[in-house]
N, C-alpha and C. Protein backbone atom coordinates (compact mmCIF):
# COMPACT_ATOMS: atom_id res chain seq x y z
N MET A 1 43.55 125.12 -29.08
CA MET A 1 42.29 125.79 -28.83
C MET A 1 41.34 124.92 -27.99
N LYS A 2 41.46 123.60 -28.15
CA LYS A 2 40.58 122.73 -27.39
C LYS A 2 40.87 122.81 -25.90
N LEU A 3 42.15 122.95 -25.55
CA LEU A 3 42.49 123.11 -24.14
C LEU A 3 41.97 124.44 -23.62
N ARG A 4 42.11 125.50 -24.39
CA ARG A 4 41.58 126.80 -23.97
C ARG A 4 40.06 126.73 -23.78
N ALA A 5 39.37 126.01 -24.68
CA ALA A 5 37.91 125.88 -24.56
C ALA A 5 37.54 125.14 -23.28
N HIS A 6 38.38 124.21 -22.85
CA HIS A 6 38.13 123.51 -21.58
C HIS A 6 38.38 124.42 -20.38
N LEU A 7 39.43 125.23 -20.46
CA LEU A 7 39.84 126.04 -19.31
C LEU A 7 38.99 127.29 -19.13
N LEU A 8 38.45 127.85 -20.21
CA LEU A 8 37.73 129.12 -20.11
C LEU A 8 36.56 129.08 -19.13
N PRO A 9 35.65 128.08 -19.18
CA PRO A 9 34.57 128.06 -18.19
C PRO A 9 35.07 127.94 -16.75
N ARG A 10 36.18 127.24 -16.55
CA ARG A 10 36.74 127.11 -15.20
C ARG A 10 37.31 128.44 -14.73
N ILE A 11 37.90 129.19 -15.64
CA ILE A 11 38.42 130.52 -15.29
C ILE A 11 37.28 131.44 -14.90
N ARG A 12 36.19 131.41 -15.68
CA ARG A 12 35.03 132.26 -15.35
C ARG A 12 34.46 131.91 -13.99
N SER A 13 34.35 130.62 -13.70
CA SER A 13 33.83 130.19 -12.41
C SER A 13 34.73 130.68 -11.29
N HIS A 14 36.03 130.61 -11.51
CA HIS A 14 36.99 131.08 -10.50
C HIS A 14 36.83 132.57 -10.27
N LEU A 15 36.68 133.34 -11.35
CA LEU A 15 36.54 134.78 -11.22
C LEU A 15 35.23 135.15 -10.54
N GLN A 16 34.16 134.47 -10.85
CA GLN A 16 32.87 134.75 -10.21
C GLN A 16 32.92 134.46 -8.73
N GLY A 17 33.70 133.46 -8.34
CA GLY A 17 33.83 133.13 -6.92
C GLY A 17 34.63 134.17 -6.17
N GLN A 18 35.54 134.87 -6.85
CA GLN A 18 36.39 135.86 -6.19
C GLN A 18 35.76 137.25 -6.18
N ASN A 19 34.99 137.57 -7.19
CA ASN A 19 34.44 138.92 -7.31
C ASN A 19 33.14 139.02 -6.54
N LEU A 20 33.05 139.97 -5.64
CA LEU A 20 31.88 140.12 -4.78
C LEU A 20 30.82 141.03 -5.40
N GLN A 21 31.09 141.62 -6.54
CA GLN A 21 30.12 142.51 -7.15
C GLN A 21 29.09 141.69 -7.93
N SER A 22 27.85 141.86 -7.57
CA SER A 22 26.80 141.06 -8.21
C SER A 22 26.56 141.43 -9.65
N ASP A 23 26.99 142.65 -10.05
CA ASP A 23 26.73 143.08 -11.40
C ASP A 23 27.92 142.86 -12.33
N LEU A 24 28.86 142.01 -11.91
CA LEU A 24 30.00 141.70 -12.76
C LEU A 24 29.52 141.08 -14.06
N LYS A 25 29.96 141.63 -15.17
CA LYS A 25 29.59 141.11 -16.48
C LYS A 25 30.66 140.13 -16.95
N THR A 26 30.31 138.86 -17.02
CA THR A 26 31.25 137.84 -17.46
C THR A 26 31.03 137.58 -18.93
N PRO A 27 32.06 137.13 -19.65
CA PRO A 27 31.91 136.86 -21.07
C PRO A 27 30.95 135.72 -21.31
N SER A 28 30.27 135.78 -22.44
CA SER A 28 29.32 134.72 -22.78
C SER A 28 30.06 133.46 -23.12
N SER A 29 29.34 132.35 -23.17
CA SER A 29 29.97 131.06 -23.47
C SER A 29 30.47 131.05 -24.90
N CYS A 30 31.37 130.10 -25.15
CA CYS A 30 31.99 130.02 -26.46
C CYS A 30 31.03 129.53 -27.52
N GLY A 31 29.89 128.97 -27.10
CA GLY A 31 28.92 128.49 -28.07
C GLY A 31 29.26 127.09 -28.55
N SER A 32 28.39 126.54 -29.36
CA SER A 32 28.58 125.18 -29.84
C SER A 32 29.55 125.10 -30.99
N ASP A 33 29.88 126.24 -31.59
CA ASP A 33 30.77 126.26 -32.75
C ASP A 33 32.08 126.93 -32.38
N PRO A 34 33.11 126.13 -31.99
CA PRO A 34 34.38 126.73 -31.55
C PRO A 34 35.12 127.41 -32.66
N SER A 35 34.72 127.22 -33.92
CA SER A 35 35.41 127.84 -35.04
C SER A 35 34.86 129.22 -35.38
N SER A 36 33.77 129.65 -34.73
CA SER A 36 33.21 130.96 -35.00
C SER A 36 34.17 132.05 -34.56
N SER A 37 34.08 133.22 -35.20
CA SER A 37 35.01 134.31 -34.88
C SER A 37 34.86 134.79 -33.45
N GLU A 38 33.62 134.79 -32.93
CA GLU A 38 33.39 135.22 -31.54
C GLU A 38 34.05 134.27 -30.56
N ALA A 39 33.90 132.97 -30.83
CA ALA A 39 34.50 131.98 -29.94
C ALA A 39 36.02 132.07 -29.98
N GLN A 40 36.57 132.24 -31.16
CA GLN A 40 38.02 132.35 -31.29
C GLN A 40 38.54 133.56 -30.51
N THR A 41 37.82 134.66 -30.56
CA THR A 41 38.24 135.86 -29.85
C THR A 41 38.25 135.62 -28.35
N GLU A 42 37.21 134.97 -27.83
CA GLU A 42 37.13 134.71 -26.39
C GLU A 42 38.24 133.76 -25.95
N LEU A 43 38.55 132.76 -26.76
CA LEU A 43 39.59 131.81 -26.39
C LEU A 43 40.96 132.48 -26.36
N ASN A 44 41.14 133.52 -27.18
CA ASN A 44 42.42 134.22 -27.21
C ASN A 44 42.69 135.01 -25.93
N PHE A 45 41.67 135.18 -25.08
CA PHE A 45 41.87 135.84 -23.80
C PHE A 45 42.60 134.94 -22.79
N VAL A 46 42.67 133.65 -23.09
CA VAL A 46 43.32 132.69 -22.20
C VAL A 46 44.78 132.57 -22.61
N LEU A 47 45.69 132.99 -21.73
CA LEU A 47 47.12 132.98 -22.02
C LEU A 47 47.84 132.03 -21.06
N PHE A 48 48.77 131.26 -21.60
CA PHE A 48 49.57 130.35 -20.78
C PHE A 48 50.87 131.03 -20.38
N LYS A 49 51.08 131.18 -19.08
CA LYS A 49 52.27 131.85 -18.59
C LYS A 49 53.52 131.12 -19.08
N ASP A 50 54.42 131.85 -19.69
CA ASP A 50 55.67 131.32 -20.24
C ASP A 50 55.43 130.26 -21.31
N ASN A 51 54.19 130.20 -21.82
CA ASN A 51 53.84 129.22 -22.87
C ASN A 51 54.19 127.79 -22.45
N ARG A 52 53.86 127.46 -21.20
CA ARG A 52 54.24 126.15 -20.67
C ARG A 52 53.05 125.45 -20.03
N ILE A 53 53.08 124.12 -20.14
CA ILE A 53 52.26 123.26 -19.31
C ILE A 53 53.20 122.27 -18.64
N TYR A 54 52.81 121.77 -17.48
CA TYR A 54 53.69 120.94 -16.66
C TYR A 54 53.07 119.55 -16.49
N SER A 55 53.89 118.54 -16.67
CA SER A 55 53.43 117.15 -16.60
C SER A 55 53.69 116.57 -15.22
N HIS A 56 52.79 115.68 -14.78
CA HIS A 56 52.93 114.99 -13.50
C HIS A 56 52.77 113.49 -13.71
N LYS A 57 53.39 112.72 -12.84
CA LYS A 57 53.35 111.27 -12.98
C LYS A 57 52.10 110.67 -12.34
N LEU A 58 51.61 111.28 -11.25
CA LEU A 58 50.51 110.70 -10.48
C LEU A 58 49.44 111.75 -10.20
N ALA A 59 48.21 111.26 -10.04
CA ALA A 59 47.10 112.08 -9.54
C ALA A 59 46.41 111.29 -8.44
N ARG A 60 46.09 111.94 -7.36
CA ARG A 60 45.41 111.28 -6.24
C ARG A 60 43.97 111.75 -6.19
N ILE A 61 43.05 110.80 -6.27
CA ILE A 61 41.62 111.09 -6.24
C ILE A 61 41.06 110.63 -4.89
N TYR A 62 40.55 111.56 -4.11
CA TYR A 62 39.98 111.23 -2.81
C TYR A 62 38.47 111.07 -2.95
N TYR A 63 37.92 110.07 -2.29
CA TYR A 63 36.50 109.80 -2.38
C TYR A 63 36.00 109.17 -1.09
N THR A 64 34.69 109.12 -0.94
CA THR A 64 34.06 108.51 0.23
C THR A 64 33.55 107.13 -0.14
N THR A 65 33.94 106.12 0.64
CA THR A 65 33.55 104.74 0.37
C THR A 65 32.10 104.52 0.79
N TYR A 66 31.59 103.33 0.44
CA TYR A 66 30.20 103.02 0.76
C TYR A 66 29.93 102.95 2.26
N ASP A 67 30.96 102.66 3.06
CA ASP A 67 30.78 102.63 4.52
C ASP A 67 31.21 103.94 5.16
N MET A 68 31.18 105.04 4.36
CA MET A 68 31.42 106.40 4.85
C MET A 68 32.83 106.60 5.39
N ARG A 69 33.80 105.93 4.79
CA ARG A 69 35.20 106.16 5.12
C ARG A 69 35.88 106.89 3.98
N ARG A 70 36.96 107.56 4.31
CA ARG A 70 37.71 108.29 3.29
C ARG A 70 38.76 107.36 2.69
N SER A 71 38.86 107.39 1.38
CA SER A 71 39.85 106.57 0.70
C SER A 71 40.40 107.35 -0.50
N GLU A 72 41.36 106.79 -1.19
CA GLU A 72 41.94 107.45 -2.34
C GLU A 72 42.34 106.45 -3.40
N ASP A 73 42.29 106.89 -4.64
CA ASP A 73 42.81 106.14 -5.77
C ASP A 73 43.97 106.92 -6.35
N VAL A 74 45.03 106.21 -6.70
CA VAL A 74 46.19 106.82 -7.32
C VAL A 74 46.15 106.51 -8.81
N ILE A 75 46.06 107.54 -9.63
CA ILE A 75 45.98 107.39 -11.07
C ILE A 75 47.38 107.57 -11.67
N ASN A 76 47.81 106.57 -12.43
CA ASN A 76 49.11 106.59 -13.08
C ASN A 76 48.92 106.20 -14.54
N PRO A 77 49.08 107.12 -15.48
CA PRO A 77 48.83 106.80 -16.88
C PRO A 77 49.74 105.71 -17.45
N ARG A 78 50.86 105.44 -16.80
CA ARG A 78 51.81 104.46 -17.29
C ARG A 78 51.55 103.05 -16.77
N THR A 79 50.50 102.89 -15.98
CA THR A 79 50.16 101.58 -15.43
C THR A 79 48.71 101.26 -15.75
N SER A 80 48.24 100.12 -15.27
CA SER A 80 46.84 99.74 -15.48
C SER A 80 45.88 100.57 -14.62
N HIS A 81 46.40 101.35 -13.67
CA HIS A 81 45.56 102.21 -12.83
C HIS A 81 45.38 103.57 -13.49
N CYS A 82 44.75 103.56 -14.65
CA CYS A 82 44.66 104.80 -15.43
C CYS A 82 43.24 105.09 -15.90
N ASP A 83 42.25 104.33 -15.44
CA ASP A 83 40.87 104.52 -15.88
C ASP A 83 40.07 105.20 -14.78
N ILE A 84 39.19 106.13 -15.17
CA ILE A 84 38.44 106.93 -14.21
C ILE A 84 36.96 106.94 -14.59
N MET A 85 36.14 107.33 -13.64
CA MET A 85 34.71 107.48 -13.87
C MET A 85 34.25 108.83 -13.36
N LEU A 86 33.26 109.41 -14.08
CA LEU A 86 32.70 110.71 -13.73
C LEU A 86 31.19 110.63 -13.83
N LEU A 87 30.51 111.57 -13.20
CA LEU A 87 29.06 111.66 -13.36
C LEU A 87 28.74 112.16 -14.76
N ALA A 88 27.78 111.52 -15.40
CA ALA A 88 27.34 111.96 -16.73
C ALA A 88 26.38 113.13 -16.57
N PRO A 89 26.43 114.09 -17.47
CA PRO A 89 25.48 115.20 -17.41
C PRO A 89 24.06 114.70 -17.66
N MET A 90 23.11 115.20 -16.89
CA MET A 90 21.71 114.79 -17.03
C MET A 90 21.09 115.52 -18.21
N GLU A 91 20.66 114.75 -19.18
CA GLU A 91 19.95 115.30 -20.34
C GLU A 91 18.52 114.79 -20.31
N SER A 92 17.57 115.71 -20.29
CA SER A 92 16.18 115.35 -20.05
C SER A 92 15.65 114.39 -21.10
N ASP A 93 16.00 114.60 -22.38
CA ASP A 93 15.45 113.75 -23.42
C ASP A 93 15.97 112.33 -23.32
N VAL A 94 17.26 112.19 -22.95
CA VAL A 94 17.83 110.85 -22.81
C VAL A 94 17.34 110.19 -21.54
N ALA A 95 17.25 110.96 -20.46
CA ALA A 95 16.82 110.39 -19.19
C ALA A 95 15.40 109.86 -19.27
N THR A 96 14.52 110.58 -19.92
CA THR A 96 13.13 110.15 -20.01
C THR A 96 12.95 108.96 -20.95
N SER A 97 13.90 108.76 -21.85
CA SER A 97 13.79 107.63 -22.77
C SER A 97 14.18 106.31 -22.12
N GLY A 98 14.81 106.38 -20.94
CA GLY A 98 15.20 105.17 -20.23
C GLY A 98 16.57 104.66 -20.61
N SER A 99 17.29 105.34 -21.48
CA SER A 99 18.60 104.88 -21.92
C SER A 99 19.74 105.65 -21.24
N PHE A 100 19.40 106.45 -20.24
CA PHE A 100 20.42 107.26 -19.58
C PHE A 100 21.31 106.39 -18.71
N HIS A 101 22.64 106.61 -18.82
CA HIS A 101 23.60 105.94 -17.96
C HIS A 101 24.25 106.99 -17.07
N PRO A 102 24.34 106.76 -15.77
CA PRO A 102 24.76 107.83 -14.85
C PRO A 102 26.24 108.18 -14.88
N PHE A 103 27.08 107.37 -15.53
CA PHE A 103 28.51 107.60 -15.44
C PHE A 103 29.16 107.73 -16.82
N LEU A 104 30.27 108.45 -16.84
CA LEU A 104 31.16 108.50 -17.99
C LEU A 104 32.46 107.82 -17.62
N TYR A 105 33.12 107.23 -18.59
CA TYR A 105 34.37 106.52 -18.34
C TYR A 105 35.44 107.02 -19.30
N ALA A 106 36.67 107.09 -18.81
CA ALA A 106 37.77 107.60 -19.63
C ALA A 106 39.08 106.98 -19.18
N ARG A 107 40.03 106.95 -20.09
CA ARG A 107 41.39 106.50 -19.78
C ARG A 107 42.29 107.73 -19.74
N VAL A 108 43.02 107.89 -18.65
CA VAL A 108 43.90 109.04 -18.48
C VAL A 108 45.20 108.80 -19.24
N LEU A 109 45.51 109.72 -20.16
CA LEU A 109 46.74 109.64 -20.95
C LEU A 109 47.82 110.56 -20.42
N GLY A 110 47.42 111.58 -19.68
CA GLY A 110 48.39 112.52 -19.14
C GLY A 110 47.81 113.34 -18.01
N ILE A 111 48.67 113.75 -17.08
CA ILE A 111 48.29 114.57 -15.93
C ILE A 111 49.10 115.86 -15.99
N PHE A 112 48.42 117.00 -16.01
CA PHE A 112 49.13 118.26 -16.26
C PHE A 112 48.59 119.37 -15.36
N HIS A 113 49.36 120.44 -15.29
CA HIS A 113 48.84 121.71 -14.78
C HIS A 113 49.46 122.84 -15.59
N THR A 114 48.81 123.97 -15.58
CA THR A 114 49.32 125.15 -16.26
C THR A 114 48.95 126.38 -15.45
N ASN A 115 49.72 127.43 -15.62
CA ASN A 115 49.44 128.72 -14.98
C ASN A 115 48.85 129.64 -16.03
N VAL A 116 47.61 130.04 -15.82
CA VAL A 116 46.84 130.75 -16.83
C VAL A 116 46.66 132.21 -16.43
N ILE A 117 46.82 133.09 -17.40
CA ILE A 117 46.51 134.52 -17.23
C ILE A 117 45.32 134.83 -18.13
N TYR A 118 44.29 135.42 -17.56
CA TYR A 118 43.09 135.76 -18.31
C TYR A 118 42.99 137.27 -18.44
N ASN A 119 42.86 137.76 -19.67
CA ASN A 119 42.79 139.22 -19.88
C ASN A 119 41.53 139.63 -20.64
N GLY A 120 40.45 138.87 -20.45
CA GLY A 120 39.20 139.17 -21.11
C GLY A 120 38.24 139.93 -20.21
N PRO A 121 37.00 140.10 -20.66
CA PRO A 121 35.98 140.81 -19.86
C PRO A 121 35.79 140.14 -18.49
N GLY A 122 35.72 140.93 -17.45
CA GLY A 122 35.53 140.41 -16.10
C GLY A 122 36.81 140.08 -15.38
N MET A 123 37.96 140.33 -16.01
CA MET A 123 39.24 140.02 -15.37
C MET A 123 39.42 140.85 -14.10
N ILE A 124 40.13 140.28 -13.14
CA ILE A 124 40.38 140.97 -11.88
C ILE A 124 41.81 141.50 -11.82
N SER A 125 42.76 140.69 -12.28
CA SER A 125 44.16 141.10 -12.28
C SER A 125 44.91 140.24 -13.29
N TYR A 126 46.18 140.56 -13.45
CA TYR A 126 47.03 139.79 -14.35
C TYR A 126 47.75 138.66 -13.62
N GLU A 127 47.33 138.39 -12.40
CA GLU A 127 47.96 137.32 -11.64
C GLU A 127 47.58 135.96 -12.24
N ALA A 128 48.56 135.09 -12.41
CA ALA A 128 48.32 133.77 -13.00
C ALA A 128 47.62 132.87 -11.99
N MET A 129 46.72 132.04 -12.48
CA MET A 129 46.05 131.05 -11.63
C MET A 129 46.42 129.65 -12.11
N ARG A 130 46.65 128.76 -11.17
CA ARG A 130 47.00 127.38 -11.51
C ARG A 130 45.74 126.58 -11.76
N LEU A 131 45.73 125.84 -12.87
CA LEU A 131 44.63 124.95 -13.19
C LEU A 131 45.20 123.58 -13.54
N ASP A 132 44.70 122.56 -12.84
CA ASP A 132 45.10 121.18 -13.13
C ASP A 132 44.11 120.57 -14.11
N PHE A 133 44.59 119.67 -14.96
CA PHE A 133 43.69 119.01 -15.90
C PHE A 133 44.27 117.66 -16.31
N LEU A 134 43.36 116.79 -16.71
CA LEU A 134 43.72 115.46 -17.20
C LEU A 134 43.44 115.40 -18.70
N TRP A 135 44.36 114.82 -19.44
CA TRP A 135 44.13 114.54 -20.85
C TRP A 135 43.65 113.10 -20.95
N VAL A 136 42.47 112.90 -21.53
CA VAL A 136 41.85 111.57 -21.48
C VAL A 136 41.41 111.13 -22.87
N ARG A 137 41.22 109.82 -23.00
CA ARG A 137 40.57 109.23 -24.16
C ARG A 137 39.26 108.63 -23.67
N TRP A 138 38.15 109.00 -24.32
CA TRP A 138 36.83 108.64 -23.83
C TRP A 138 36.42 107.23 -24.27
N PHE A 139 35.66 106.58 -23.39
CA PHE A 139 34.98 105.33 -23.73
C PHE A 139 33.54 105.65 -24.13
N ASP A 140 33.00 104.83 -25.01
CA ASP A 140 31.58 104.86 -25.35
C ASP A 140 30.90 103.67 -24.70
N MET A 141 29.65 103.86 -24.28
CA MET A 141 28.89 102.75 -23.73
C MET A 141 28.38 101.87 -24.87
N SER A 142 28.81 100.62 -24.88
CA SER A 142 28.40 99.68 -25.92
C SER A 142 27.17 98.89 -25.51
N HIS A 143 27.09 98.53 -24.23
CA HIS A 143 25.95 97.75 -23.74
C HIS A 143 25.82 97.97 -22.25
N THR A 144 24.59 98.14 -21.80
CA THR A 144 24.34 98.27 -20.37
C THR A 144 23.13 97.42 -20.00
N SER A 145 23.22 96.80 -18.84
CA SER A 145 22.15 95.90 -18.38
C SER A 145 22.25 95.73 -16.88
N ASN A 146 21.10 95.53 -16.24
CA ASN A 146 21.09 95.25 -14.81
C ASN A 146 21.50 93.82 -14.51
N LEU A 147 21.51 92.98 -15.54
CA LEU A 147 21.80 91.56 -15.34
C LEU A 147 23.22 91.18 -15.73
N SER A 148 23.98 92.09 -16.31
CA SER A 148 25.35 91.80 -16.72
C SER A 148 26.21 93.04 -16.56
N LEU A 149 27.51 92.86 -16.71
CA LEU A 149 28.43 93.99 -16.59
C LEU A 149 28.27 94.94 -17.78
N ASP A 150 28.37 96.23 -17.49
CA ASP A 150 28.32 97.22 -18.56
C ASP A 150 29.54 97.04 -19.46
N ARG A 151 29.32 97.23 -20.75
CA ARG A 151 30.38 97.01 -21.73
C ARG A 151 30.76 98.34 -22.39
N LEU A 152 32.07 98.58 -22.51
CA LEU A 152 32.59 99.82 -23.07
C LEU A 152 33.47 99.54 -24.27
N VAL A 153 33.49 100.50 -25.18
CA VAL A 153 34.45 100.49 -26.29
C VAL A 153 35.05 101.89 -26.38
N PHE A 154 36.25 101.98 -26.93
CA PHE A 154 36.85 103.29 -27.13
C PHE A 154 36.14 104.03 -28.24
N SER A 155 36.01 105.34 -28.08
CA SER A 155 35.52 106.17 -29.18
C SER A 155 36.51 106.06 -30.34
N PRO A 156 36.03 106.04 -31.58
CA PRO A 156 36.95 105.97 -32.72
C PRO A 156 37.99 107.07 -32.65
N MET A 157 39.24 106.73 -32.87
CA MET A 157 40.32 107.69 -32.68
C MET A 157 40.21 108.89 -33.62
N ALA A 158 39.58 108.69 -34.77
CA ALA A 158 39.46 109.78 -35.74
C ALA A 158 38.31 110.72 -35.42
N SER A 159 37.45 110.36 -34.47
CA SER A 159 36.31 111.22 -34.16
C SER A 159 36.76 112.45 -33.38
N GLU A 160 36.01 113.52 -33.51
CA GLU A 160 36.39 114.80 -32.90
C GLU A 160 36.39 114.72 -31.38
N ASP A 161 35.52 113.89 -30.81
CA ASP A 161 35.38 113.81 -29.35
C ASP A 161 36.08 112.59 -28.76
N ALA A 162 37.02 111.99 -29.49
CA ALA A 162 37.71 110.82 -28.97
C ALA A 162 38.59 111.18 -27.77
N PHE A 163 39.17 112.38 -27.79
CA PHE A 163 40.06 112.83 -26.73
C PHE A 163 39.50 114.12 -26.13
N GLY A 164 39.87 114.38 -24.90
CA GLY A 164 39.39 115.59 -24.26
C GLY A 164 40.16 115.88 -22.99
N PHE A 165 39.71 116.90 -22.28
CA PHE A 165 40.35 117.32 -21.03
C PHE A 165 39.31 117.29 -19.91
N VAL A 166 39.77 116.95 -18.72
CA VAL A 166 38.88 116.77 -17.57
C VAL A 166 39.44 117.51 -16.37
N ASP A 167 38.57 118.19 -15.65
CA ASP A 167 38.92 118.79 -14.37
C ASP A 167 39.07 117.66 -13.35
N PRO A 168 40.24 117.47 -12.72
CA PRO A 168 40.40 116.38 -11.74
C PRO A 168 39.38 116.44 -10.61
N GLY A 169 38.87 117.64 -10.31
CA GLY A 169 37.88 117.76 -9.25
C GLY A 169 36.55 117.11 -9.56
N LEU A 170 36.30 116.79 -10.83
CA LEU A 170 35.05 116.16 -11.24
C LEU A 170 35.14 114.64 -11.27
N VAL A 171 36.33 114.10 -11.06
CA VAL A 171 36.51 112.64 -11.10
C VAL A 171 35.96 112.03 -9.83
N LEU A 172 35.09 111.05 -9.97
CA LEU A 172 34.53 110.36 -8.80
C LEU A 172 35.57 109.47 -8.14
N ARG A 173 36.21 108.63 -8.96
CA ARG A 173 37.23 107.72 -8.48
C ARG A 173 37.78 106.94 -9.68
N GLY A 174 38.82 106.16 -9.43
CA GLY A 174 39.31 105.27 -10.46
C GLY A 174 38.34 104.11 -10.63
N CYS A 175 38.43 103.42 -11.75
CA CYS A 175 37.56 102.27 -11.98
C CYS A 175 38.38 101.12 -12.55
N HIS A 176 37.87 99.91 -12.34
CA HIS A 176 38.55 98.70 -12.79
C HIS A 176 37.82 98.15 -14.02
N LEU A 177 38.50 98.15 -15.16
CA LEU A 177 37.91 97.65 -16.40
C LEU A 177 38.54 96.31 -16.76
N LEU A 178 37.68 95.36 -17.12
CA LEU A 178 38.13 94.03 -17.49
C LEU A 178 38.11 93.89 -19.01
N PRO A 179 39.21 93.48 -19.64
CA PRO A 179 39.19 93.29 -21.09
C PRO A 179 38.18 92.21 -21.49
N ALA A 180 37.49 92.43 -22.59
CA ALA A 180 36.61 91.41 -23.16
C ALA A 180 37.48 90.47 -24.00
N PHE A 181 38.04 89.46 -23.36
CA PHE A 181 39.01 88.60 -24.02
C PHE A 181 38.43 87.89 -25.24
N SER A 182 37.13 87.63 -25.21
CA SER A 182 36.52 86.85 -26.29
C SER A 182 36.52 87.58 -27.63
N VAL A 183 36.56 88.92 -27.61
CA VAL A 183 36.51 89.67 -28.87
C VAL A 183 37.89 90.05 -29.37
N GLY A 184 38.92 89.86 -28.55
CA GLY A 184 40.29 90.07 -29.00
C GLY A 184 40.77 91.50 -28.93
N LYS A 185 42.00 91.70 -29.43
CA LYS A 185 42.63 93.01 -29.43
C LYS A 185 42.42 93.72 -30.77
N HIS A 186 42.57 95.03 -30.74
CA HIS A 186 42.44 95.82 -31.97
C HIS A 186 43.60 95.57 -32.91
N HIS A 187 44.80 95.48 -32.37
CA HIS A 187 45.99 95.35 -33.20
C HIS A 187 46.71 94.05 -32.85
N LEU A 188 46.52 93.04 -33.67
CA LEU A 188 47.11 91.74 -33.41
C LEU A 188 48.63 91.77 -33.53
N ASP A 189 49.15 92.71 -34.32
CA ASP A 189 50.60 92.82 -34.49
C ASP A 189 51.26 93.63 -33.39
N GLY A 190 50.46 94.18 -32.46
CA GLY A 190 51.02 94.96 -31.36
C GLY A 190 51.53 96.33 -31.76
N ILE A 191 51.14 96.80 -32.95
CA ILE A 191 51.55 98.12 -33.42
C ILE A 191 50.32 99.01 -33.50
N GLY A 192 50.26 100.03 -32.68
CA GLY A 192 49.09 100.89 -32.63
C GLY A 192 49.17 102.05 -33.61
N LEU A 193 48.15 102.90 -33.58
CA LEU A 193 48.09 104.07 -34.45
C LEU A 193 48.73 105.30 -33.82
N SER A 194 48.78 105.34 -32.49
CA SER A 194 49.26 106.53 -31.81
C SER A 194 50.08 106.15 -30.59
N ARG A 195 51.30 106.66 -30.54
CA ARG A 195 52.14 106.41 -29.37
C ARG A 195 51.59 107.15 -28.16
N ASN A 196 51.02 108.35 -28.39
CA ASN A 196 50.46 109.12 -27.28
C ASN A 196 49.24 108.42 -26.68
N ALA A 197 48.40 107.84 -27.54
CA ALA A 197 47.21 107.14 -27.06
C ALA A 197 47.53 105.77 -26.49
N ARG A 198 48.71 105.27 -26.78
CA ARG A 198 49.16 103.97 -26.29
C ARG A 198 48.11 102.88 -26.56
N ASP A 199 47.71 102.81 -27.82
CA ASP A 199 46.65 101.89 -28.21
C ASP A 199 47.17 100.56 -28.74
N ALA A 200 48.47 100.31 -28.68
CA ALA A 200 49.03 99.11 -29.28
C ALA A 200 48.48 97.84 -28.64
N GLN A 201 48.20 97.89 -27.34
CA GLN A 201 47.74 96.69 -26.63
C GLN A 201 46.28 96.77 -26.20
N GLU A 202 45.52 97.70 -26.78
CA GLU A 202 44.14 97.86 -26.32
C GLU A 202 43.24 96.75 -26.87
N TRP A 203 42.19 96.46 -26.12
CA TRP A 203 41.22 95.45 -26.50
C TRP A 203 40.03 96.10 -27.20
N LYS A 204 39.28 95.31 -27.93
CA LYS A 204 38.15 95.85 -28.68
C LYS A 204 37.01 96.27 -27.77
N ALA A 205 36.93 95.69 -26.58
CA ALA A 205 35.86 96.05 -25.63
C ALA A 205 36.33 95.77 -24.22
N TYR A 206 35.65 96.41 -23.25
CA TYR A 206 35.98 96.24 -21.84
C TYR A 206 34.67 96.12 -21.06
N PHE A 207 34.76 95.43 -19.91
CA PHE A 207 33.63 95.35 -18.99
C PHE A 207 33.96 96.14 -17.73
N VAL A 208 32.96 96.86 -17.22
CA VAL A 208 33.13 97.64 -15.99
C VAL A 208 32.91 96.72 -14.80
N ASN A 209 33.96 96.50 -14.02
CA ASN A 209 33.86 95.62 -12.86
C ASN A 209 33.08 96.33 -11.75
N ARG A 210 32.09 95.67 -11.21
CA ARG A 210 31.26 96.26 -10.16
C ARG A 210 31.77 95.89 -8.78
């Protein structure tokens, strides 16, 4: 259901871009409570063709460098080139308090695409649309300062928002994170909690290299 909740707004945006009728009635948002009966009904409109998702080894992120040249980062979840940065959503209360940080950071655990059929309100046809997505584990900002490198820690694995899905089109670029060697690793025995999260060798904190 969490994947469907990620894909539904993207499907609506796609449909609104294709439909030229200004009075098209699109379904309302799923709301803040994904367990509500209304939200569950809306998510059930998202169908995966052949009940399949497809895995990829690499993702290429194109971006503009500081000297206005085009460049790319290759994201590979099986190597150290697996960390990405995105723009953080602007929240007025946080921004005015002075604690707002402009970026979000995540580690890519998987690169996928799926062919989705939508049969809810506002549908145009039963033709499947391809949607790419990244499965990520989120970092939390532990410390930020203009005089030192920003410090990140992984969200607790048991928390509801520790993992999520990201539209590759929203990724700014890959980022280089430096382990905080002084604080050590989470698992000294090299045995992690999750093979999918690949946390066996993770460090307790990381610094964002500028």
